[in-house]
Amino acid sequence: MRIYMQTPPLDGIPPRFYQLQIQEDMIDGWTLIRESGIQGNRSNSFKKTHYECREDAEQALLTLRDQQLRKGFHTTFATGLSAADS
């Protein structure tokens, strides 16, 4: 499951991005990966959080997505979401 979001481009200001991704890990759990920053900039934020079950990781992903939507981000790419989640 992956979601990529961006803010709309403004005059002279590069858009910000926010990416969320869930991956099954090798220690019997799920990892939520968050990356954010300014498009084209190398100093981005990167964070991983481990969850015991997929449902908890998915709920965290959807909560973070909703927070970013309220901040003005728009989803530009999403994969692995059900129709009810998108």
PDB file of N, CA and C in Angstrom:
ATOM      1  N   MET A   1       0.848  -1.165   0.000  1.00  0.00           N
ATOM      2  CA  MET A   1       0.000   0.000   0.000  1.00  0.00           C
ATOM      3  C   MET A   1       0.899   1.235   0.000  1.00  0.00           C
ATOM      4  N   ARG A   2       0.595   2.181  -0.874  1.00  0.00           N
ATOM      5  CA  ARG A   2       1.423   3.388  -0.992  1.00  0.00           C
ATOM      6  C   ARG A   2       0.559   4.581  -1.376  1.00  0.00           C
ATOM      7  N   ILE A   3       0.839   5.727  -0.746  1.00  0.00           N
ATOM      8  CA  ILE A   3       0.163   6.980  -1.072  1.00  0.00           C
ATOM      9  C   ILE A   3       1.225   8.072  -1.236  1.00  0.00           C
ATOM     10  N   TYR A   4       1.143   8.799  -2.335  1.00  0.00           N
ATOM     11  CA  TYR A   4       2.037   9.922  -2.577  1.00  0.00           C
ATOM     12  C   TYR A   4       1.178  11.171  -2.703  1.00  0.00           C
ATOM     13  N   MET A   5       1.515  12.206  -1.925  1.00  0.00           N
ATOM     14  CA  MET A   5       0.727  13.435  -1.886  1.00  0.00           C
ATOM     15  C   MET A   5       1.635  14.634  -2.133  1.00  0.00           C
ATOM     16  N   GLN A   6       1.051  15.717  -2.669  1.00  0.00           N
ATOM     17  CA  GLN A   6       1.784  16.965  -2.901  1.00  0.00           C
ATOM     18  C   GLN A   6       0.893  18.150  -2.598  1.00  0.00           C
ATOM     19  N   THR A   7       1.541  19.272  -2.278  1.00  0.00           N
ATOM     20  CA  THR A   7       0.823  20.538  -2.210  1.00  0.00           C
ATOM     21  C   THR A   7       0.784  21.113  -3.619  1.00  0.00           C
ATOM     22  N   PRO A   8      -0.187  21.942  -3.916  1.00  0.00           N
ATOM     23  CA  PRO A   8      -0.223  22.573  -5.240  1.00  0.00           C
ATOM     24  C   PRO A   8       0.994  23.495  -5.422  1.00  0.00           C
ATOM     25  N   PRO A   9       1.559  23.552  -6.630  1.00  0.00           N
ATOM     26  CA  PRO A   9       2.690  24.449  -6.865  1.00  0.00           C
ATOM     27  C   PRO A   9       2.238  25.917  -6.828  1.00  0.00           C
ATOM     28  N   LEU A  10       3.053  26.743  -6.209  1.00  0.00           N
ATOM     29  CA  LEU A  10       2.799  28.180  -6.159  1.00  0.00           C
ATOM     30  C   LEU A  10       3.924  28.897  -6.883  1.00  0.00           C
ATOM     31  N   ASP A  11       3.723  30.156  -7.259  1.00  0.00           N
ATOM     32  CA  ASP A  11       4.740  30.917  -7.989  1.00  0.00           C
ATOM     33  C   ASP A  11       6.067  30.929  -7.237  1.00  0.00           C
ATOM     34  N   GLY A  12       7.071  30.301  -7.829  1.00  0.00           N
ATOM     35  CA  GLY A  12       8.416  30.330  -7.273  1.00  0.00           C
ATOM     36  C   GLY A  12       8.637  29.451  -6.055  1.00  0.00           C
ATOM     37  N   ILE A  13       7.625  28.763  -5.593  1.00  0.00           N
ATOM     38  CA  ILE A  13       7.762  27.901  -4.421  1.00  0.00           C
ATOM     39  C   ILE A  13       7.563  26.454  -4.857  1.00  0.00           C
ATOM     40  N   PRO A  14       8.578  25.598  -4.681  1.00  0.00           N
ATOM     41  CA  PRO A  14       8.421  24.201  -5.079  1.00  0.00           C
ATOM     42  C   PRO A  14       7.395  23.504  -4.185  1.00  0.00           C
ATOM     43  N   PRO A  15       6.657  22.552  -4.742  1.00  0.00           N
ATOM     44  CA  PRO A  15       5.653  21.845  -3.944  1.00  0.00           C
ATOM     45  C   PRO A  15       6.301  20.973  -2.871  1.00  0.00           C
ATOM     46  N   ARG A  16       5.577  20.797  -1.780  1.00  0.00           N
ATOM     47  CA  ARG A  16       5.979  19.863  -0.731  1.00  0.00           C
ATOM     48  C   ARG A  16       5.364  18.503  -1.067  1.00  0.00           C
ATOM     49  N   PHE A  17       6.009  17.435  -0.601  1.00  0.00           N
ATOM     50  CA  PHE A  17       5.456  16.102  -0.809  1.00  0.00           C
ATOM     51  C   PHE A  17       5.377  15.354   0.512  1.00  0.00           C
ATOM     52  N   TYR A  18       4.531  14.341   0.544  1.00  0.00           N
ATOM     53  CA  TYR A  18       4.356  13.472   1.698  1.00  0.00           C
ATOM     54  C   TYR A  18       4.043  12.090   1.153  1.00  0.00           C
ATOM     55  N   GLN A  19       4.861  11.108   1.503  1.00  0.00           N
ATOM     56  CA  GLN A  19       4.680   9.758   0.989  1.00  0.00           C
ATOM     57  C   GLN A  19       4.517   8.790   2.160  1.00  0.00           C
ATOM     58  N   LEU A  20       3.526   7.917   2.053  1.00  0.00           N
ATOM     59  CA  LEU A  20       3.265   6.889   3.055  1.00  0.00           C
ATOM     60  C   LEU A  20       3.304   5.534   2.366  1.00  0.00           C
ATOM     61  N   GLN A  21       3.918   4.559   3.030  1.00  0.00           N
ATOM     62  CA  GLN A  21       4.010   3.237   2.434  1.00  0.00           C
ATOM     63  C   GLN A  21       4.019   2.188   3.538  1.00  0.00           C
ATOM     64  N   ILE A  22       3.318   1.082   3.311  1.00  0.00           N
ATOM     65  CA  ILE A  22       3.322  -0.044   4.245  1.00  0.00           C
ATOM     66  C   ILE A  22       4.013  -1.223   3.570  1.00  0.00           C
ATOM     67  N   GLN A  23       4.939  -1.850   4.317  1.00  0.00           N
ATOM     68  CA  GLN A  23       5.649  -3.023   3.808  1.00  0.00           C
ATOM     69  C   GLN A  23       5.673  -4.095   4.884  1.00  0.00           C
ATOM     70  N   GLU A  24       5.503  -5.322   4.465  1.00  0.00           N
ATOM     71  CA  GLU A  24       5.657  -6.431   5.398  1.00  0.00           C
ATOM     72  C   GLU A  24       7.136  -6.562   5.714  1.00  0.00           C
ATOM     73  N   ASP A  25       7.466  -6.700   6.998  1.00  0.00           N
ATOM     74  CA  ASP A  25       8.888  -6.812   7.332  1.00  0.00           C
ATOM     75  C   ASP A  25       9.252  -8.272   7.602  1.00  0.00           C
ATOM     76  N   MET A  26      10.512  -8.502   7.866  1.00  0.00           N
ATOM     77  CA  MET A  26      11.015  -9.865   8.020  1.00  0.00           C
ATOM     78  C   MET A  26      10.930 -10.368   9.465  1.00  0.00           C
ATOM     79  N   ILE A  27      10.441  -9.551  10.373  1.00  0.00           N
ATOM     80  CA  ILE A  27      10.340  -9.991  11.768  1.00  0.00           C
ATOM     81  C   ILE A  27       8.882 -10.123  12.197  1.00  0.00           C
ATOM     82  N   ASP A  28       8.067 -10.619  11.284  1.00  0.00           N
ATOM     83  CA  ASP A  28       6.673 -10.924  11.599  1.00  0.00           C
ATOM     84  C   ASP A  28       5.859  -9.707  11.986  1.00  0.00           C
ATOM     85  N   GLY A  29       5.857  -8.710  11.131  1.00  0.00           N
ATOM     86  CA  GLY A  29       5.080  -7.505  11.377  1.00  0.00           C
ATOM     87  C   GLY A  29       5.008  -6.663  10.122  1.00  0.00           C
ATOM     88  N   TRP A  30       4.646  -5.396  10.315  1.00  0.00           N
ATOM     89  CA  TRP A  30       4.464  -4.458   9.211  1.00  0.00           C
ATOM     90  C   TRP A  30       5.149  -3.152   9.549  1.00  0.00           C
ATOM     91  N   THR A  31       5.726  -2.505   8.551  1.00  0.00           N
ATOM     92  CA  THR A  31       6.415  -1.240   8.746  1.00  0.00           C
ATOM     93  C   THR A  31       5.717  -0.152   7.945  1.00  0.00           C
ATOM     94  N   LEU A  32       5.408   0.941   8.640  1.00  0.00           N
ATOM     95  CA  LEU A  32       4.866   2.135   7.995  1.00  0.00           C
ATOM     96  C   LEU A  32       6.036   3.089   7.770  1.00  0.00           C
ATOM     97  N   ILE A  33       6.260   3.450   6.522  1.00  0.00           N
ATOM     98  CA  ILE A  33       7.357   4.343   6.158  1.00  0.00           C
ATOM     99  C   ILE A  33       6.766   5.682   5.750  1.00  0.00           C
ATOM    100  N   ARG A  34       7.274   6.762   6.374  1.00  0.00           N
ATOM    101  CA  ARG A  34       6.834   8.127   6.055  1.00  0.00           C
ATOM    102  C   ARG A  34       8.024   8.903   5.533  1.00  0.00           C
ATOM    103  N   GLU A  35       7.815   9.594   4.447  1.00  0.00           N
ATOM    104  CA  GLU A  35       8.845  10.475   3.902  1.00  0.00           C
ATOM    105  C   GLU A  35       8.169  11.780   3.507  1.00  0.00           C
ATOM    106  N   SER A  36       8.816  12.895   3.832  1.00  0.00           N
ATOM    107  CA  SER A  36       8.234  14.189   3.475  1.00  0.00           C
ATOM    108  C   SER A  36       9.346  15.198   3.243  1.00  0.00           C
ATOM    109  N   GLY A  37       8.994  16.253   2.531  1.00  0.00           N
ATOM    110  CA  GLY A  37       9.966  17.311   2.270  1.00  0.00           C
ATOM    111  C   GLY A  37       9.531  18.197   1.131  1.00  0.00           C
ATOM    112  N   ILE A  38      10.496  18.921   0.605  1.00  0.00           N
ATOM    113  CA  ILE A  38      10.256  19.813  -0.526  1.00  0.00           C
ATOM    114  C   ILE A  38      10.706  19.104  -1.792  1.00  0.00           C
ATOM    115  N   GLN A  39       9.845  19.108  -2.802  1.00  0.00           N
ATOM    116  CA  GLN A  39      10.154  18.442  -4.065  1.00  0.00           C
ATOM    117  C   GLN A  39      11.485  18.943  -4.618  1.00  0.00           C
ATOM    118  N   GLY A  40      12.382  18.006  -4.936  1.00  0.00           N
ATOM    119  CA  GLY A  40      13.674  18.356  -5.504  1.00  0.00           C
ATOM    120  C   GLY A  40      14.738  18.707  -4.485  1.00  0.00           C
ATOM    121  N   ASN A  41      14.416  18.684  -3.206  1.00  0.00           N
ATOM    122  CA  ASN A  41      15.361  19.001  -2.145  1.00  0.00           C
ATOM    123  C   ASN A  41      15.905  17.708  -1.555  1.00  0.00           C
ATOM    124  N   ARG A  42      17.150  17.692  -1.156  1.00  0.00           N
ATOM    125  CA  ARG A  42      17.753  16.481  -0.613  1.00  0.00           C
ATOM    126  C   ARG A  42      17.536  16.309   0.886  1.00  0.00           C
ATOM    127  N   SER A  43      17.182  17.341   1.589  1.00  0.00           N
ATOM    128  CA  SER A  43      17.008  17.234   3.041  1.00  0.00           C
ATOM    129  C   SER A  43      15.542  16.922   3.370  1.00  0.00           C
ATOM    130  N   ASN A  44      15.183  15.666   3.205  1.00  0.00           N
ATOM    131  CA  ASN A  44      13.824  15.212   3.463  1.00  0.00           C
ATOM    132  C   ASN A  44      13.756  14.483   4.799  1.00  0.00           C
ATOM    133  N   SER A  45      12.567  14.382   5.344  1.00  0.00           N
ATOM    134  CA  SER A  45      12.330  13.663   6.590  1.00  0.00           C
ATOM    135  C   SER A  45      11.939  12.227   6.257  1.00  0.00           C
ATOM    136  N   PHE A  46      12.460  11.271   7.031  1.00  0.00           N
ATOM    137  CA  PHE A  46      12.210   9.854   6.789  1.00  0.00           C
ATOM    138  C   PHE A  46      12.003   9.182   8.138  1.00  0.00           C
ATOM    139  N   LYS A  47      10.902   8.434   8.291  1.00  0.00           N
ATOM    140  CA  LYS A  47      10.620   7.785   9.561  1.00  0.00           C
ATOM    141  C   LYS A  47       9.960   6.427   9.322  1.00  0.00           C
ATOM    142  N   LYS A  48      10.346   5.425  10.123  1.00  0.00           N
ATOM    143  CA  LYS A  48       9.756   4.087  10.061  1.00  0.00           C
ATOM    144  C   LYS A  48       9.113   3.773  11.406  1.00  0.00           C
ATOM    145  N   THR A  49       7.930   3.149  11.353  1.00  0.00           N
ATOM    146  CA  THR A  49       7.248   2.716  12.564  1.00  0.00           C
ATOM    147  C   THR A  49       6.790   1.276  12.366  1.00  0.00           C
ATOM    148  N   HIS A  50       7.087   0.414  13.352  1.00  0.00           N
ATOM    149  CA  HIS A  50       6.738  -1.003  13.271  1.00  0.00           C
ATOM    150  C   HIS A  50       5.369  -1.249  13.905  1.00  0.00           C
ATOM    151  N   TYR A  51       4.581  -2.113  13.275  1.00  0.00           N
ATOM    152  CA  TYR A  51       3.280  -2.531  13.787  1.00  0.00           C
ATOM    153  C   TYR A  51       3.210  -4.049  13.766  1.00  0.00           C
ATOM    154  N   GLU A  52       2.530  -4.614  14.738  1.00  0.00           N
ATOM    155  CA  GLU A  52       2.395  -6.064  14.835  1.00  0.00           C
ATOM    156  C   GLU A  52       1.478  -6.637  13.755  1.00  0.00           C
ATOM    157  N   CYS A  53       0.409  -5.897  13.423  1.00  0.00           N
ATOM    158  CA  CYS A  53      -0.526  -6.423  12.426  1.00  0.00           C
ATOM    159  C   CYS A  53      -0.782  -5.393  11.328  1.00  0.00           C
ATOM    160  N   ARG A  54      -1.168  -5.893  10.178  1.00  0.00           N
ATOM    161  CA  ARG A  54      -1.396  -5.051   9.009  1.00  0.00           C
ATOM    162  C   ARG A  54      -2.513  -4.036   9.246  1.00  0.00           C
ATOM    163  N   GLU A  55      -3.571  -4.444   9.941  1.00  0.00           N
ATOM    164  CA  GLU A  55      -4.702  -3.554  10.181  1.00  0.00           C
ATOM    165  C   GLU A  55      -4.284  -2.304  10.949  1.00  0.00           C
ATOM    166  N   ASP A  56      -3.420  -2.461  11.950  1.00  0.00           N
ATOM    167  CA  ASP A  56      -2.941  -1.301  12.714  1.00  0.00           C
ATOM    168  C   ASP A  56      -2.101  -0.374  11.835  1.00  0.00           C
ATOM    169  N   ALA A  57      -1.258  -0.960  10.990  1.00  0.00           N
ATOM    170  CA  ALA A  57      -0.422  -0.157  10.083  1.00  0.00           C
ATOM    171  C   ALA A  57      -1.292   0.592   9.079  1.00  0.00           C
ATOM    172  N   GLU A  58      -2.315  -0.080   8.560  1.00  0.00           N
ATOM    173  CA  GLU A  58      -3.221   0.568   7.602  1.00  0.00           C
ATOM    174  C   GLU A  58      -3.997   1.704   8.262  1.00  0.00           C
ATOM    175  N   GLN A  59      -4.463   1.491   9.485  1.00  0.00           N
ATOM    176  CA  GLN A  59      -5.204   2.540  10.188  1.00  0.00           C
ATOM    177  C   GLN A  59      -4.312   3.758  10.426  1.00  0.00           C
ATOM    178  N   ALA A  60      -3.055   3.526  10.808  1.00  0.00           N
ATOM    179  CA  ALA A  60      -2.109   4.627  11.015  1.00  0.00           C
ATOM    180  C   ALA A  60      -1.868   5.374   9.705  1.00  0.00           C
ATOM    181  N   LEU A  61      -1.718   4.634   8.602  1.00  0.00           N
ATOM    182  CA  LEU A  61      -1.513   5.251   7.285  1.00  0.00           C
ATOM    183  C   LEU A  61      -2.702   6.134   6.922  1.00  0.00           C
ATOM    184  N   LEU A  62      -3.921   5.638   7.101  1.00  0.00           N
ATOM    185  CA  LEU A  62      -5.109   6.407   6.741  1.00  0.00           C
ATOM    186  C   LEU A  62      -5.277   7.630   7.636  1.00  0.00           C
ATOM    187  N   THR A  63      -4.929   7.517   8.907  1.00  0.00           N
ATOM    188  CA  THR A  63      -4.987   8.661   9.819  1.00  0.00           C
ATOM    189  C   THR A  63      -4.006   9.741   9.389  1.00  0.00           C
ATOM    190  N   LEU A  64      -2.774   9.342   9.059  1.00  0.00           N
ATOM    191  CA  LEU A  64      -1.773  10.305   8.590  1.00  0.00           C
ATOM    192  C   LEU A  64      -2.192  10.935   7.263  1.00  0.00           C
ATOM    193  N   ARG A  65      -2.754  10.133   6.376  1.00  0.00           N
ATOM    194  CA  ARG A  65      -3.238  10.668   5.095  1.00  0.00           C
ATOM    195  C   ARG A  65      -4.291  11.747   5.316  1.00  0.00           C
ATOM    196  N   ASP A  66      -5.249  11.460   6.205  1.00  0.00           N
ATOM    197  CA  ASP A  66      -6.319  12.416   6.476  1.00  0.00           C
ATOM    198  C   ASP A  66      -5.777  13.708   7.084  1.00  0.00           C
ATOM    199  N   GLN A  67      -4.767  13.597   7.945  1.00  0.00           N
ATOM    200  CA  GLN A  67      -4.141  14.793   8.526  1.00  0.00           C
ATOM    201  C   GLN A  67      -3.523  15.661   7.439  1.00  0.00           C
ATOM    202  N   GLN A  68      -2.843  15.033   6.486  1.00  0.00           N
ATOM    203  CA  GLN A  68      -2.192  15.789   5.412  1.00  0.00           C
ATOM    204  C   GLN A  68      -3.218  16.394   4.456  1.00  0.00           C
ATOM    205  N   LEU A  69      -4.318  15.701   4.217  1.00  0.00           N
ATOM    206  CA  LEU A  69      -5.379  16.267   3.369  1.00  0.00           C
ATOM    207  C   LEU A  69      -5.929  17.547   3.997  1.00  0.00           C
ATOM    208  N   ARG A  70      -6.083  17.562   5.317  1.00  0.00           N
ATOM    209  CA  ARG A  70      -6.571  18.763   6.002  1.00  0.00           C
ATOM    210  C   ARG A  70      -5.558  19.905   5.934  1.00  0.00           C
ATOM    211  N   LYS A  71      -4.284  19.587   5.719  1.00  0.00           N
ATOM    212  CA  LYS A  71      -3.234  20.604   5.621  1.00  0.00           C
ATOM    213  C   LYS A  71      -3.058  21.131   4.196  1.00  0.00           C
ATOM    214  N   GLY A  72      -3.860  20.641   3.256  1.00  0.00           N
ATOM    215  CA  GLY A  72      -3.788  21.155   1.890  1.00  0.00           C
ATOM    216  C   GLY A  72      -3.080  20.261   0.900  1.00  0.00           C
ATOM    217  N   PHE A  73      -2.643  19.088   1.298  1.00  0.00           N
ATOM    218  CA  PHE A  73      -2.028  18.145   0.365  1.00  0.00           C
ATOM    219  C   PHE A  73      -3.112  17.487  -0.477  1.00  0.00           C
ATOM    220  N   HIS A  74      -2.728  17.056  -1.690  1.00  0.00           N
ATOM    221  CA  HIS A  74      -3.625  16.342  -2.591  1.00  0.00           C
ATOM    222  C   HIS A  74      -2.966  15.020  -2.947  1.00  0.00           C
ATOM    223  N   THR A  75      -3.753  13.955  -2.986  1.00  0.00           N
ATOM    224  CA  THR A  75      -3.225  12.653  -3.369  1.00  0.00           C
ATOM    225  C   THR A  75      -2.964  12.653  -4.871  1.00  0.00           C
ATOM    226  N   THR A  76      -1.715  12.360  -5.259  1.00  0.00           N
ATOM    227  CA  THR A  76      -1.376  12.301  -6.676  1.00  0.00           C
ATOM    228  C   THR A  76      -1.199  10.868  -7.155  1.00  0.00           C
ATOM    229  N   PHE A  77      -0.961   9.942  -6.211  1.00  0.00           N
ATOM    230  CA  PHE A  77      -0.782   8.535  -6.561  1.00  0.00           C
ATOM    231  C   PHE A  77      -1.144   7.694  -5.351  1.00  0.00           C
ATOM    232  N   ALA A  78      -1.911   6.640  -5.573  1.00  0.00           N
ATOM    233  CA  ALA A  78      -2.243   5.701  -4.496  1.00  0.00           C
ATOM    234  C   ALA A  78      -2.383   4.314  -5.089  1.00  0.00           C
ATOM    235  N   THR A  79      -1.875   3.327  -4.383  1.00  0.00           N
ATOM    236  CA  THR A  79      -2.010   1.943  -4.808  1.00  0.00           C
ATOM    237  C   THR A  79      -2.262   1.077  -3.583  1.00  0.00           C
ATOM    238  N   GLY A  80      -3.059   0.054  -3.769  1.00  0.00           N
ATOM    239  CA  GLY A  80      -3.321  -0.893  -2.688  1.00  0.00           C
ATOM    240  C   GLY A  80      -4.437  -0.496  -1.753  1.00  0.00           C
ATOM    241  N   LEU A  81      -5.171   0.591  -2.061  1.00  0.00           N
ATOM    242  CA  LEU A  81      -6.283   1.018  -1.225  1.00  0.00           C
ATOM    243  C   LEU A  81      -7.581   0.440  -1.763  1.00  0.00           C
ATOM    244  N   SER A  82      -8.502   0.118  -0.850  1.00  0.00           N
ATOM    245  CA  SER A  82      -9.826  -0.304  -1.299  1.00  0.00           C
ATOM    246  C   SER A  82     -10.616   0.933  -1.721  1.00  0.00           C
ATOM    247  N   ALA A  83     -11.696   0.749  -2.422  1.00  0.00           N
ATOM    248  CA  ALA A  83     -12.516   1.874  -2.899  1.00  0.00           C
ATOM    249  C   ALA A  83     -13.052   2.683  -1.733  1.00  0.00           C
ATOM    250  N   ALA A  84     -13.338   2.054  -0.588  1.00  0.00           N
ATOM    251  CA  ALA A  84     -13.859   2.760   0.582  1.00  0.00           C
ATOM    252  C   ALA A  84     -12.807   3.647   1.224  1.00  0.00           C
ATOM    253  N   ASP A  85     -11.534   3.308   1.073  1.00  0.00           N
ATOM    254  CA  ASP A  85     -10.438   4.074   1.703  1.00  0.00           C
ATOM    255  C   ASP A  85      -9.968   5.239   0.866  1.00  0.00           C
ATOM    256  N   SER A  86     -10.207   5.227  -0.436  1.00  0.00           N
ATOM    257  CA  SER A  86      -9.660   6.274  -1.299  1.00  0.00           C
ATOM    258  C   SER A  86     -10.542   7.481  -1.392  1.00  0.00           C
TER     259      SER A  86
END
